[in-house]
Amino acid sequence: MVAINEIEIVDSSATIEEEIVPEVKDSSTVEPSSYVVDAEVCIGCNICVRKCPVGAITMKDGKAIIDSTKCISCGICADVCPVKAIHKTNDEK
């Protein structure tokens, strides 16, 4: 068995010529996106209900309903919907 005893020492006194800072938008102007179900398209398959990681989707009258207070906007429901009945509130259908 071979032991490694070398340690690389980094010079932390080196100066950076130009600091690169990513531009961050003001979070107060970012609209929260949540998802909605188009009841006319929903076929009531329950896939979204089973896949939602936070239990934000329930069924009513055979159609999925998303509780916006529980929804974390992960998009899993929209991804698994076989008829694309679920979309972001700020997206076009």
N, C-alpha and C. Protein backbone atom coordinates (compact mmCIF):
# COMPACT_ATOMS: atom_id res chain seq x y z
N MET A 1 0.84 -1.18 0.00
CA MET A 1 0.00 0.00 0.00
C MET A 1 0.89 1.24 0.00
N VAL A 2 0.54 2.23 -0.84
CA VAL A 2 1.35 3.43 -0.97
C VAL A 2 0.57 4.60 -0.38
N ALA A 3 1.22 5.35 0.49
CA ALA A 3 0.59 6.54 1.08
C ALA A 3 1.02 7.77 0.29
N ILE A 4 0.11 8.68 0.10
CA ILE A 4 0.41 9.91 -0.61
C ILE A 4 0.59 11.01 0.44
N ASN A 5 1.76 11.61 0.45
CA ASN A 5 2.06 12.62 1.46
C ASN A 5 2.27 14.00 0.86
N GLU A 6 1.98 14.18 -0.40
CA GLU A 6 2.18 15.48 -1.04
C GLU A 6 0.94 16.34 -0.88
N ILE A 7 1.15 17.61 -0.59
CA ILE A 7 0.07 18.57 -0.46
C ILE A 7 0.37 19.74 -1.38
N GLU A 8 -0.60 20.12 -2.17
CA GLU A 8 -0.41 21.26 -3.07
C GLU A 8 -0.79 22.53 -2.32
N ILE A 9 0.11 23.50 -2.30
CA ILE A 9 -0.14 24.77 -1.62
C ILE A 9 -0.46 25.80 -2.70
N VAL A 10 -1.57 26.47 -2.52
CA VAL A 10 -2.02 27.46 -3.49
C VAL A 10 -1.69 28.84 -2.95
N ASP A 11 -1.16 29.69 -3.83
CA ASP A 11 -0.82 31.06 -3.43
C ASP A 11 -2.09 31.89 -3.38
N SER A 12 -2.57 32.19 -2.18
CA SER A 12 -3.80 32.95 -2.05
C SER A 12 -3.55 34.45 -2.10
N SER A 13 -2.30 34.85 -2.20
CA SER A 13 -1.99 36.28 -2.26
C SER A 13 -2.02 36.80 -3.70
N ALA A 14 -2.22 35.92 -4.66
CA ALA A 14 -2.28 36.33 -6.06
C ALA A 14 -3.48 37.24 -6.26
N THR A 15 -3.33 38.24 -7.10
CA THR A 15 -4.42 39.18 -7.34
C THR A 15 -5.18 38.78 -8.60
N ILE A 16 -6.43 39.08 -8.59
CA ILE A 16 -7.28 38.82 -9.74
C ILE A 16 -7.36 40.10 -10.54
N GLU A 17 -7.09 39.99 -11.84
CA GLU A 17 -7.10 41.18 -12.68
C GLU A 17 -8.48 41.81 -12.76
N GLU A 18 -9.48 40.99 -13.02
CA GLU A 18 -10.84 41.51 -13.13
C GLU A 18 -11.79 40.50 -12.53
N GLU A 19 -12.52 40.95 -11.55
CA GLU A 19 -13.47 40.05 -10.90
C GLU A 19 -14.73 39.96 -11.76
N ILE A 20 -15.14 38.74 -12.03
CA ILE A 20 -16.34 38.53 -12.84
C ILE A 20 -17.49 38.22 -11.90
N VAL A 21 -18.48 39.08 -11.90
CA VAL A 21 -19.66 38.90 -11.06
C VAL A 21 -20.87 38.76 -11.97
N PRO A 22 -21.57 37.64 -11.87
CA PRO A 22 -22.75 37.47 -12.72
C PRO A 22 -23.83 38.48 -12.37
N GLU A 23 -24.53 38.93 -13.41
CA GLU A 23 -25.61 39.88 -13.19
C GLU A 23 -26.83 39.14 -12.65
N VAL A 24 -27.36 39.67 -11.57
CA VAL A 24 -28.53 39.05 -10.94
C VAL A 24 -29.68 40.03 -11.05
N LYS A 25 -30.77 39.54 -11.58
CA LYS A 25 -31.95 40.39 -11.71
C LYS A 25 -32.59 40.61 -10.34
N ASP A 26 -33.24 41.73 -10.20
CA ASP A 26 -33.96 42.04 -8.97
C ASP A 26 -35.06 41.00 -8.79
N SER A 27 -35.00 40.25 -7.70
CA SER A 27 -35.97 39.17 -7.50
C SER A 27 -37.39 39.67 -7.30
N SER A 28 -37.55 40.95 -6.96
CA SER A 28 -38.90 41.47 -6.78
C SER A 28 -39.63 41.63 -8.11
N THR A 29 -38.87 41.60 -9.22
CA THR A 29 -39.51 41.75 -10.53
C THR A 29 -39.77 40.41 -11.21
N VAL A 30 -39.28 39.32 -10.62
CA VAL A 30 -39.47 38.01 -11.21
C VAL A 30 -40.84 37.48 -10.80
N GLU A 31 -41.64 37.14 -11.80
CA GLU A 31 -42.97 36.62 -11.51
C GLU A 31 -42.88 35.15 -11.14
N PRO A 32 -43.50 34.78 -10.02
CA PRO A 32 -43.49 33.36 -9.69
C PRO A 32 -44.35 32.60 -10.70
N SER A 33 -43.87 31.47 -11.12
CA SER A 33 -44.66 30.70 -12.07
C SER A 33 -45.25 29.50 -11.35
N SER A 34 -46.47 29.24 -11.63
CA SER A 34 -47.09 28.03 -11.10
C SER A 34 -47.78 27.35 -12.28
N TYR A 35 -48.30 26.22 -12.03
CA TYR A 35 -48.89 25.43 -13.11
C TYR A 35 -50.41 25.35 -12.96
N VAL A 36 -51.08 25.25 -14.09
CA VAL A 36 -52.52 25.11 -14.12
C VAL A 36 -52.90 23.97 -15.05
N VAL A 37 -54.09 23.44 -14.83
CA VAL A 37 -54.60 22.34 -15.64
C VAL A 37 -55.70 22.87 -16.55
N ASP A 38 -55.59 22.54 -17.81
CA ASP A 38 -56.66 22.85 -18.77
C ASP A 38 -57.67 21.72 -18.66
N ALA A 39 -58.78 22.00 -17.98
CA ALA A 39 -59.80 20.97 -17.70
C ALA A 39 -60.40 20.38 -18.97
N GLU A 40 -60.42 21.14 -20.05
CA GLU A 40 -60.96 20.63 -21.30
C GLU A 40 -60.05 19.59 -21.94
N VAL A 41 -58.77 19.64 -21.62
CA VAL A 41 -57.80 18.71 -22.20
C VAL A 41 -57.52 17.54 -21.26
N CYS A 42 -57.60 17.76 -19.96
CA CYS A 42 -57.30 16.74 -18.95
C CYS A 42 -58.18 15.51 -19.14
N ILE A 43 -57.54 14.32 -19.15
CA ILE A 43 -58.29 13.06 -19.31
C ILE A 43 -58.46 12.32 -17.99
N GLY A 44 -57.99 12.92 -16.88
CA GLY A 44 -58.19 12.32 -15.57
C GLY A 44 -57.40 11.04 -15.34
N CYS A 45 -56.22 10.93 -15.90
CA CYS A 45 -55.44 9.70 -15.81
C CYS A 45 -54.75 9.51 -14.46
N ASN A 46 -54.65 10.56 -13.65
CA ASN A 46 -54.05 10.50 -12.31
C ASN A 46 -52.52 10.41 -12.30
N ILE A 47 -51.87 10.45 -13.44
CA ILE A 47 -50.41 10.34 -13.46
C ILE A 47 -49.79 11.52 -12.72
N CYS A 48 -50.27 12.71 -12.97
CA CYS A 48 -49.71 13.90 -12.32
C CYS A 48 -49.90 13.83 -10.80
N VAL A 49 -51.04 13.32 -10.36
CA VAL A 49 -51.31 13.20 -8.93
C VAL A 49 -50.27 12.29 -8.28
N ARG A 50 -49.98 11.18 -8.92
CA ARG A 50 -49.02 10.21 -8.38
C ARG A 50 -47.58 10.73 -8.44
N LYS A 51 -47.25 11.53 -9.43
CA LYS A 51 -45.87 11.99 -9.61
C LYS A 51 -45.53 13.28 -8.86
N CYS A 52 -46.52 14.05 -8.44
CA CYS A 52 -46.24 15.31 -7.75
C CYS A 52 -45.51 15.04 -6.44
N PRO A 53 -44.29 15.59 -6.28
CA PRO A 53 -43.50 15.29 -5.08
C PRO A 53 -44.01 15.95 -3.80
N VAL A 54 -44.90 16.91 -3.92
CA VAL A 54 -45.40 17.60 -2.72
C VAL A 54 -46.90 17.44 -2.51
N GLY A 55 -47.54 16.61 -3.30
CA GLY A 55 -48.98 16.35 -3.12
C GLY A 55 -49.86 17.56 -3.40
N ALA A 56 -49.44 18.38 -4.37
CA ALA A 56 -50.20 19.60 -4.68
C ALA A 56 -51.34 19.37 -5.65
N ILE A 57 -51.47 18.15 -6.18
CA ILE A 57 -52.49 17.89 -7.20
C ILE A 57 -53.51 16.89 -6.67
N THR A 58 -54.76 17.25 -6.83
CA THR A 58 -55.86 16.36 -6.45
C THR A 58 -56.80 16.25 -7.65
N MET A 59 -57.77 15.35 -7.52
CA MET A 59 -58.75 15.18 -8.59
C MET A 59 -60.11 15.68 -8.11
N LYS A 60 -60.81 16.37 -8.98
CA LYS A 60 -62.17 16.82 -8.69
C LYS A 60 -62.98 16.67 -9.97
N ASP A 61 -64.07 15.94 -9.87
CA ASP A 61 -64.94 15.68 -11.02
C ASP A 61 -64.15 15.08 -12.19
N GLY A 62 -63.19 14.21 -11.86
CA GLY A 62 -62.42 13.52 -12.88
C GLY A 62 -61.33 14.35 -13.56
N LYS A 63 -61.03 15.52 -13.00
CA LYS A 63 -60.02 16.41 -13.57
C LYS A 63 -59.00 16.78 -12.50
N ALA A 64 -57.74 16.96 -12.91
CA ALA A 64 -56.69 17.35 -11.98
C ALA A 64 -56.82 18.82 -11.61
N ILE A 65 -56.53 19.10 -10.34
CA ILE A 65 -56.53 20.48 -9.83
C ILE A 65 -55.23 20.67 -9.07
N ILE A 66 -54.52 21.76 -9.35
CA ILE A 66 -53.26 22.04 -8.68
C ILE A 66 -53.47 23.11 -7.62
N ASP A 67 -53.07 22.80 -6.39
CA ASP A 67 -53.14 23.75 -5.28
C ASP A 67 -51.90 24.64 -5.36
N SER A 68 -52.09 25.89 -5.74
CA SER A 68 -50.96 26.80 -5.95
C SER A 68 -50.22 27.12 -4.66
N THR A 69 -50.85 26.90 -3.51
CA THR A 69 -50.16 27.15 -2.24
C THR A 69 -49.19 26.03 -1.89
N LYS A 70 -49.38 24.86 -2.49
CA LYS A 70 -48.48 23.73 -2.26
C LYS A 70 -47.48 23.54 -3.40
N CYS A 71 -47.84 23.99 -4.58
CA CYS A 71 -47.02 23.78 -5.78
C CYS A 71 -45.66 24.45 -5.64
N ILE A 72 -44.60 23.69 -5.95
CA ILE A 72 -43.24 24.23 -5.90
C ILE A 72 -42.71 24.55 -7.30
N SER A 73 -43.57 24.49 -8.29
CA SER A 73 -43.24 24.83 -9.68
C SER A 73 -42.09 24.01 -10.24
N CYS A 74 -42.04 22.73 -9.90
CA CYS A 74 -40.96 21.86 -10.39
C CYS A 74 -41.20 21.43 -11.84
N GLY A 75 -42.47 21.41 -12.28
CA GLY A 75 -42.78 21.07 -13.66
C GLY A 75 -42.91 19.59 -13.96
N ILE A 76 -42.78 18.76 -12.94
CA ILE A 76 -42.89 17.31 -13.17
C ILE A 76 -44.27 16.97 -13.73
N CYS A 77 -45.30 17.59 -13.20
CA CYS A 77 -46.66 17.30 -13.66
C CYS A 77 -46.82 17.58 -15.15
N ALA A 78 -46.29 18.71 -15.59
CA ALA A 78 -46.39 19.06 -17.01
C ALA A 78 -45.59 18.08 -17.87
N ASP A 79 -44.47 17.63 -17.34
CA ASP A 79 -43.63 16.69 -18.09
C ASP A 79 -44.30 15.32 -18.26
N VAL A 80 -45.03 14.87 -17.23
CA VAL A 80 -45.61 13.53 -17.29
C VAL A 80 -47.01 13.49 -17.89
N CYS A 81 -47.64 14.62 -18.06
CA CYS A 81 -49.01 14.65 -18.59
C CYS A 81 -49.01 14.15 -20.04
N PRO A 82 -49.72 13.05 -20.30
CA PRO A 82 -49.71 12.48 -21.65
C PRO A 82 -50.44 13.33 -22.69
N VAL A 83 -51.32 14.22 -22.26
CA VAL A 83 -52.07 15.05 -23.21
C VAL A 83 -51.69 16.53 -23.13
N LYS A 84 -50.63 16.82 -22.37
CA LYS A 84 -50.13 18.20 -22.21
C LYS A 84 -51.21 19.17 -21.75
N ALA A 85 -51.98 18.73 -20.75
CA ALA A 85 -53.05 19.57 -20.20
C ALA A 85 -52.54 20.53 -19.13
N ILE A 86 -51.30 20.36 -18.72
CA ILE A 86 -50.74 21.19 -17.65
C ILE A 86 -49.67 22.11 -18.22
N HIS A 87 -49.78 23.39 -17.87
CA HIS A 87 -48.81 24.36 -18.36
C HIS A 87 -48.60 25.45 -17.32
N LYS A 88 -47.49 26.20 -17.47
CA LYS A 88 -47.21 27.30 -16.57
C LYS A 88 -48.26 28.38 -16.77
N THR A 89 -48.57 29.10 -15.70
CA THR A 89 -49.58 30.16 -15.80
C THR A 89 -49.13 31.29 -16.69
N ASN A 90 -47.80 31.49 -16.81
CA ASN A 90 -47.32 32.58 -17.66
C ASN A 90 -46.89 32.11 -19.05
N ASP A 91 -47.23 30.86 -19.40
CA ASP A 91 -46.94 30.32 -20.74
C ASP A 91 -48.19 30.37 -21.60
N GLU A 92 -47.96 30.39 -22.88
CA GLU A 92 -49.07 30.21 -23.82
C GLU A 92 -49.38 28.73 -23.89
N LYS A 93 -50.61 28.37 -24.19
CA LYS A 93 -50.99 26.96 -24.29
C LYS A 93 -50.33 26.31 -25.49
